[in-house]
Amino acid sequence: MDNHEYYKAVASRAPGFKSLLTAEFNYDWDLDWPDVESVLVNDFDEASILENIQYRDELDYLLLELPTDRAVDGFFMFVGSGLSPKVDLGQSARSWMVELRDRAARNVETKSAE
């Protein structure tokens, strides 16, 4: 399987996160949002428990399937995200995904307790 087919298969198992990268973080995302945190508050913190479960599970899958920074960078390029965690956040895309998975998991716990 070549890289294109591989990333296509991986992306198909993470439709919510792919949508976040391509819709919210499209190439001119910074015209719609003041910063990355504003997107995350909207799409994670203000989202339902089910949406957070989906993000958590998809990110768990992606972190297992894309074990290196290089693999995650390739995935970001494949889906065509306008966000560059290195440029926009000063961290690797993979470490940012770990933070997002942990954020979704915390939101699930918090919303379960409500």
Protein backbone atom coordinates (compact mmCIF):
# COMPACT_ATOMS: atom_id res chain seq x y z
CA MET A 1 0.00 0.00 0.00
CA ASP A 2 1.47 3.37 -0.96
CA ASN A 3 1.40 6.42 1.32
CA HIS A 4 -1.67 7.90 -0.37
CA GLU A 5 -3.71 4.73 0.09
CA TYR A 6 -2.42 4.30 3.63
CA TYR A 7 -3.36 7.83 4.71
CA LYS A 8 -6.71 7.51 2.93
CA ALA A 9 -7.47 4.36 4.95
CA VAL A 10 -6.32 6.01 8.20
CA ALA A 11 -8.38 9.15 7.52
CA SER A 12 -11.49 7.07 6.87
CA ARG A 13 -11.29 5.73 10.44
CA ALA A 14 -11.08 9.23 11.94
CA PRO A 15 -13.74 11.31 10.16
CA GLY A 16 -14.32 13.74 13.04
CA PHE A 17 -10.68 14.65 13.47
CA LYS A 18 -10.18 14.82 9.70
CA SER A 19 -13.10 17.25 9.53
CA LEU A 20 -11.56 19.37 12.29
CA LEU A 21 -8.29 19.57 10.36
CA THR A 22 -9.88 20.33 7.00
CA ALA A 23 -12.98 22.36 7.87
CA GLU A 24 -12.15 24.31 11.01
CA PHE A 25 -8.43 24.47 10.26
CA ASN A 26 -8.73 25.08 6.54
CA TYR A 27 -6.14 27.19 4.74
CA ASP A 28 -7.59 30.50 5.92
CA TRP A 29 -8.81 29.34 9.34
CA ASP A 30 -7.20 32.35 11.01
CA LEU A 31 -9.66 34.64 9.19
CA ASP A 32 -12.55 32.86 10.94
CA TRP A 33 -10.99 32.31 14.36
CA PRO A 34 -8.78 34.55 16.53
CA ASP A 35 -6.56 31.63 17.59
CA VAL A 36 -6.31 27.85 17.88
CA GLU A 37 -7.69 27.82 21.42
CA SER A 38 -10.95 29.42 20.24
CA VAL A 39 -11.48 26.54 17.82
CA LEU A 40 -10.75 23.99 20.54
CA VAL A 41 -13.14 25.60 23.02
CA ASN A 42 -15.87 25.51 20.36
CA ASP A 43 -15.19 22.03 18.99
CA PHE A 44 -14.11 20.21 22.17
CA ASP A 45 -15.12 22.02 25.34
CA GLU A 46 -18.55 23.15 24.14
CA ALA A 47 -19.23 19.90 22.26
CA SER A 48 -21.36 17.06 23.55
CA ILE A 49 -20.04 14.10 25.47
CA LEU A 50 -20.59 11.91 22.38
CA GLU A 51 -18.52 14.25 20.21
CA ASN A 52 -15.74 14.20 22.78
CA ILE A 53 -15.88 10.41 22.96
CA GLN A 54 -15.52 10.32 19.19
CA TYR A 55 -12.52 12.69 19.27
CA ARG A 56 -10.90 10.73 22.10
CA ASP A 57 -11.33 7.40 20.35
CA GLU A 58 -10.24 8.69 16.95
CA LEU A 59 -7.15 10.33 18.43
CA ASP A 60 -6.30 7.12 20.33
CA TYR A 61 -6.48 5.28 17.00
CA LEU A 62 -4.43 7.90 15.14
CA LEU A 63 -1.72 8.00 17.80
CA LEU A 64 -1.35 4.22 17.55
CA GLU A 65 -1.48 4.20 13.76
CA LEU A 66 0.83 7.22 13.32
CA PRO A 67 3.58 6.57 15.88
CA THR A 68 6.14 9.15 14.67
CA ASP A 69 6.19 12.88 14.04
CA ARG A 70 6.97 12.17 10.41
CA ALA A 71 3.88 9.95 10.03
CA VAL A 72 1.64 12.58 11.61
CA ASP A 73 3.14 15.34 9.45
CA GLY A 74 2.39 13.18 6.40
CA PHE A 75 -1.20 12.75 7.57
CA PHE A 76 -1.65 16.51 8.03
CA MET A 77 -0.27 17.07 4.53
CA PHE A 78 -2.49 14.34 3.08
CA VAL A 79 -5.72 15.79 4.49
CA GLY A 80 -4.70 19.32 3.50
CA SER A 81 -4.94 21.03 6.85
CA GLY A 82 -4.16 24.71 7.00
CA LEU A 83 -2.90 24.34 10.56
CA SER A 84 0.78 23.77 11.17
CA PRO A 85 1.26 22.97 14.85
CA LYS A 86 5.01 23.68 14.54
CA VAL A 87 4.37 27.15 13.15
CA ASP A 88 1.09 27.99 14.87
CA LEU A 89 1.74 26.39 18.27
CA GLY A 90 5.49 25.77 18.50
CA GLN A 91 5.12 22.01 18.94
CA SER A 92 4.99 18.89 16.83
CA ALA A 93 1.68 17.81 15.35
CA ARG A 94 1.93 14.51 17.22
CA SER A 95 2.42 16.14 20.63
CA TRP A 96 -0.51 18.44 19.86
CA MET A 97 -2.66 15.40 19.05
CA VAL A 98 -1.71 13.86 22.42
CA GLU A 99 -2.90 17.07 24.10
CA LEU A 100 -6.16 16.99 22.14
CA ARG A 101 -6.80 13.35 23.05
CA ASP A 102 -6.20 14.19 26.72
CA ARG A 103 -8.49 17.22 26.45
CA ALA A 104 -11.28 15.13 24.92
CA ALA A 105 -10.81 12.48 27.65
CA ARG A 106 -11.05 15.16 30.38
CA ASN A 107 -14.19 16.56 28.74
CA VAL A 108 -15.74 13.09 28.72
CA GLU A 109 -15.01 12.68 32.43
CA THR A 110 -16.32 16.15 33.28
CA LYS A 111 -19.48 15.81 31.21
CA SER A 112 -20.11 12.31 32.63
CA ALA A 113 -20.02 13.74 36.15
CA GLU A 114 -22.59 16.45 35.34
